[in-house]
């Protein structure tokens, strides 16, 4: 129903910052809750953060709370993930996901996924 393309990943030193973008192609973008998940090498995909369709409510995994910020610009059909104070354990492929209705921290609740963008935090 909606196609997602992530961008903005790269290599950053510990303590640095990156801003990821997720561009969506869809006619009713504001009706989709959006989320970011990540998958580190050898680990299962995990929830990072999510935002409601209106942008009025967000939630975060404990591991990123206070460091990451999710936001969206519905006029641009884009969701962002601002990542500050990055740590080596943040290294992963970051995926954008979408679902109709309310947001969820459960991976299985999302049926629209981007291709992922690599984030590497290393000195």
C-alpha atoms as a PDB file:
ATOM      1  CA  UNK A   1       0.000   0.000   0.000  1.00  0.00           C
ATOM      2  CA  UNK A   2       2.911   2.334   0.681  1.00  0.00           C
ATOM      3  CA  UNK A   3       6.500   2.200  -0.507  1.00  0.00           C
ATOM      4  CA  UNK A   4       9.272   3.329   1.834  1.00  0.00           C
ATOM      5  CA  UNK A   5      12.856   4.352   1.123  1.00  0.00           C
ATOM      6  CA  UNK A   6      15.334   5.077   3.914  1.00  0.00           C
ATOM      7  CA  UNK A   7      18.378   7.281   3.586  1.00  0.00           C
ATOM      8  CA  UNK A   8      20.917   9.076   5.749  1.00  0.00           C
ATOM      9  CA  UNK A   9      22.851   6.183   7.193  1.00  0.00           C
ATOM     10  CA  UNK A  10      26.604   6.151   7.373  1.00  0.00           C
ATOM     11  CA  UNK A  11      29.659   5.985   9.593  1.00  0.00           C
ATOM     12  CA  UNK A  12      29.845   8.151  12.689  1.00  0.00           C
ATOM     13  CA  UNK A  13      32.069   8.270  15.753  1.00  0.00           C
ATOM     14  CA  UNK A  14      30.722   7.524  19.228  1.00  0.00           C
ATOM     15  CA  UNK A  15      28.953  10.565  20.605  1.00  0.00           C
ATOM     16  CA  UNK A  16      28.127  11.798  17.135  1.00  0.00           C
ATOM     17  CA  UNK A  17      24.790  12.252  15.428  1.00  0.00           C
ATOM     18  CA  UNK A  18      22.956  11.146  12.320  1.00  0.00           C
ATOM     19  CA  UNK A  19      19.582  11.972  10.855  1.00  0.00           C
ATOM     20  CA  UNK A  20      17.746   9.272   8.951  1.00  0.00           C
ATOM     21  CA  UNK A  21      14.926   9.956   6.535  1.00  0.00           C
ATOM     22  CA  UNK A  22      12.161   7.705   5.282  1.00  0.00           C
ATOM     23  CA  UNK A  23      10.388   8.861   2.156  1.00  0.00           C
ATOM     24  CA  UNK A  24       6.973   7.343   1.552  1.00  0.00           C
ATOM     25  CA  UNK A  25       4.980   7.072  -1.628  1.00  0.00           C
ATOM     26  CA  UNK A  26       1.323   6.810  -0.812  1.00  0.00           C
ATOM     27  CA  UNK A  27      -1.906   8.670  -1.204  1.00  0.00           C
ATOM     28  CA  UNK A  28      -2.846   8.608   2.472  1.00  0.00           C
ATOM     29  CA  UNK A  29       0.452   8.954   4.294  1.00  0.00           C
ATOM     30  CA  UNK A  30      -1.066  10.705   7.285  1.00  0.00           C
ATOM     31  CA  UNK A  31      -3.242   7.673   7.982  1.00  0.00           C
ATOM     32  CA  UNK A  32      -0.187   5.474   8.586  1.00  0.00           C
ATOM     33  CA  UNK A  33       1.569   5.066  11.855  1.00  0.00           C
ATOM     34  CA  UNK A  34       5.307   4.967  11.249  1.00  0.00           C
ATOM     35  CA  UNK A  35       8.109   3.254  13.082  1.00  0.00           C
ATOM     36  CA  UNK A  36      11.811   2.601  13.050  1.00  0.00           C
ATOM     37  CA  UNK A  37      13.285  -0.810  13.757  1.00  0.00           C
ATOM     38  CA  UNK A  38      16.889  -1.905  13.661  1.00  0.00           C
ATOM     39  CA  UNK A  39      18.768  -5.134  13.220  1.00  0.00           C
ATOM     40  CA  UNK A  40      22.341  -5.587  14.325  1.00  0.00           C
ATOM     41  CA  UNK A  41      24.536  -8.299  12.882  1.00  0.00           C
ATOM     42  CA  UNK A  42      23.633 -11.647  14.375  1.00  0.00           C
ATOM     43  CA  UNK A  43      20.635 -10.270  16.254  1.00  0.00           C
ATOM     44  CA  UNK A  44      16.922 -10.131  15.632  1.00  0.00           C
ATOM     45  CA  UNK A  45      15.197  -6.986  14.523  1.00  0.00           C
ATOM     46  CA  UNK A  46      14.169  -4.770  17.422  1.00  0.00           C
ATOM     47  CA  UNK A  47      11.834  -1.860  17.939  1.00  0.00           C
ATOM     48  CA  UNK A  48      13.368   1.598  18.148  1.00  0.00           C
ATOM     49  CA  UNK A  49      10.579   4.169  18.000  1.00  0.00           C
ATOM     50  CA  UNK A  50       7.142   4.873  16.537  1.00  0.00           C
ATOM     51  CA  UNK A  51       4.875   7.809  15.826  1.00  0.00           C
ATOM     52  CA  UNK A  52       1.164   8.172  15.173  1.00  0.00           C
ATOM     53  CA  UNK A  53      -0.189   9.302  11.838  1.00  0.00           C
ATOM     54  CA  UNK A  54      -0.801  12.817  13.072  1.00  0.00           C
ATOM     55  CA  UNK A  55       2.550  13.012  14.813  1.00  0.00           C
ATOM     56  CA  UNK A  56       0.812  13.691  18.084  1.00  0.00           C
ATOM     57  CA  UNK A  57       2.171  10.741  20.014  1.00  0.00           C
ATOM     58  CA  UNK A  58       5.460   8.847  20.079  1.00  0.00           C
ATOM     59  CA  UNK A  59       7.097   6.014  21.928  1.00  0.00           C
ATOM     60  CA  UNK A  60      10.681   4.862  22.283  1.00  0.00           C
ATOM     61  CA  UNK A  61      12.629   1.816  23.256  1.00  0.00           C
ATOM     62  CA  UNK A  62      14.385   2.268  26.579  1.00  0.00           C
ATOM     63  CA  UNK A  63      17.743   1.883  24.883  1.00  0.00           C
ATOM     64  CA  UNK A  64      17.277   5.049  22.816  1.00  0.00           C
ATOM     65  CA  UNK A  65      15.044   7.159  25.025  1.00  0.00           C
ATOM     66  CA  UNK A  66      16.509  10.620  25.462  1.00  0.00           C
ATOM     67  CA  UNK A  67      18.942  10.187  22.594  1.00  0.00           C
ATOM     68  CA  UNK A  68      16.736   9.533  19.547  1.00  0.00           C
ATOM     69  CA  UNK A  69      13.810  11.569  18.272  1.00  0.00           C
ATOM     70  CA  UNK A  70      11.229  10.510  15.716  1.00  0.00           C
ATOM     71  CA  UNK A  71       9.278  13.102  13.772  1.00  0.00           C
ATOM     72  CA  UNK A  72       7.269  13.370  10.583  1.00  0.00           C
ATOM     73  CA  UNK A  73       6.344  15.916   7.978  1.00  0.00           C
ATOM     74  CA  UNK A  74       3.131  14.743   6.385  1.00  0.00           C
ATOM     75  CA  UNK A  75       3.274  17.484   3.773  1.00  0.00           C
ATOM     76  CA  UNK A  76       6.506  15.893   2.542  1.00  0.00           C
ATOM     77  CA  UNK A  77       5.472  12.274   3.129  1.00  0.00           C
ATOM     78  CA  UNK A  78       8.613  11.837   5.190  1.00  0.00           C
ATOM     79  CA  UNK A  79       9.521  10.441   8.594  1.00  0.00           C
ATOM     80  CA  UNK A  80      12.781  11.287  10.329  1.00  0.00           C
ATOM     81  CA  UNK A  81      14.925   9.732  12.990  1.00  0.00           C
ATOM     82  CA  UNK A  82      17.344  12.091  14.696  1.00  0.00           C
ATOM     83  CA  UNK A  83      20.008  10.067  16.482  1.00  0.00           C
ATOM     84  CA  UNK A  84      22.237  11.848  18.972  1.00  0.00           C
ATOM     85  CA  UNK A  85      24.896  10.636  21.382  1.00  0.00           C
ATOM     86  CA  UNK A  86      25.411   7.546  19.292  1.00  0.00           C
ATOM     87  CA  UNK A  87      27.004   4.482  20.801  1.00  0.00           C
ATOM     88  CA  UNK A  88      28.714   1.497  19.175  1.00  0.00           C
ATOM     89  CA  UNK A  89      25.757  -0.651  20.216  1.00  0.00           C
ATOM     90  CA  UNK A  90      23.550   1.485  17.966  1.00  0.00           C
ATOM     91  CA  UNK A  91      25.306  -0.036  14.969  1.00  0.00           C
ATOM     92  CA  UNK A  92      22.662  -1.769  12.868  1.00  0.00           C
ATOM     93  CA  UNK A  93      20.626  -1.650   9.721  1.00  0.00           C
ATOM     94  CA  UNK A  94      17.747   0.720  10.385  1.00  0.00           C
ATOM     95  CA  UNK A  95      14.390   0.010   8.798  1.00  0.00           C
ATOM     96  CA  UNK A  96      11.393   2.254   8.332  1.00  0.00           C
ATOM     97  CA  UNK A  97       7.988   0.622   8.679  1.00  0.00           C
ATOM     98  CA  UNK A  98       4.372   1.660   8.226  1.00  0.00           C
ATOM     99  CA  UNK A  99       0.957   0.364   9.182  1.00  0.00           C
ATOM    100  CA  UNK A 100      -2.582   1.606   8.920  1.00  0.00           C
ATOM    101  CA  UNK A 101      -4.100   2.732  12.171  1.00  0.00           C
ATOM    102  CA  UNK A 102      -2.312   3.166  15.463  1.00  0.00           C
ATOM    103  CA  UNK A 103       1.343   2.568  16.132  1.00  0.00           C
ATOM    104  CA  UNK A 104       2.821  -0.517  17.702  1.00  0.00           C
ATOM    105  CA  UNK A 105       6.136  -1.726  19.060  1.00  0.00           C
ATOM    106  CA  UNK A 106       5.494  -5.174  17.604  1.00  0.00           C
ATOM    107  CA  UNK A 107       7.293  -5.983  14.382  1.00  0.00           C
ATOM    108  CA  UNK A 108       4.487  -8.261  13.240  1.00  0.00           C
ATOM    109  CA  UNK A 109       2.007  -5.395  13.217  1.00  0.00           C
ATOM    110  CA  UNK A 110       3.781  -3.684  10.328  1.00  0.00           C
ATOM    111  CA  UNK A 111       3.378  -4.871   6.772  1.00  0.00           C
ATOM    112  CA  UNK A 112       5.186  -2.119   4.882  1.00  0.00           C
ATOM    113  CA  UNK A 113       8.965  -1.960   5.103  1.00  0.00           C
ATOM    114  CA  UNK A 114      11.794  -0.029   3.558  1.00  0.00           C
ATOM    115  CA  UNK A 115      15.028  -1.555   2.337  1.00  0.00           C
ATOM    116  CA  UNK A 116      17.058  -0.401   5.320  1.00  0.00           C
ATOM    117  CA  UNK A 117      20.030   1.898   5.757  1.00  0.00           C
ATOM    118  CA  UNK A 118      23.269   1.021   7.520  1.00  0.00           C
ATOM    119  CA  UNK A 119      24.357   2.963  10.587  1.00  0.00           C
ATOM    120  CA  UNK A 120      27.830   2.239  11.910  1.00  0.00           C
ATOM    121  CA  UNK A 121      29.137   3.827  15.098  1.00  0.00           C
ATOM    122  CA  UNK A 122      32.847   3.281  15.459  1.00  0.00           C
ATOM    123  CA  UNK A 123      35.964   5.238  16.378  1.00  0.00           C
END
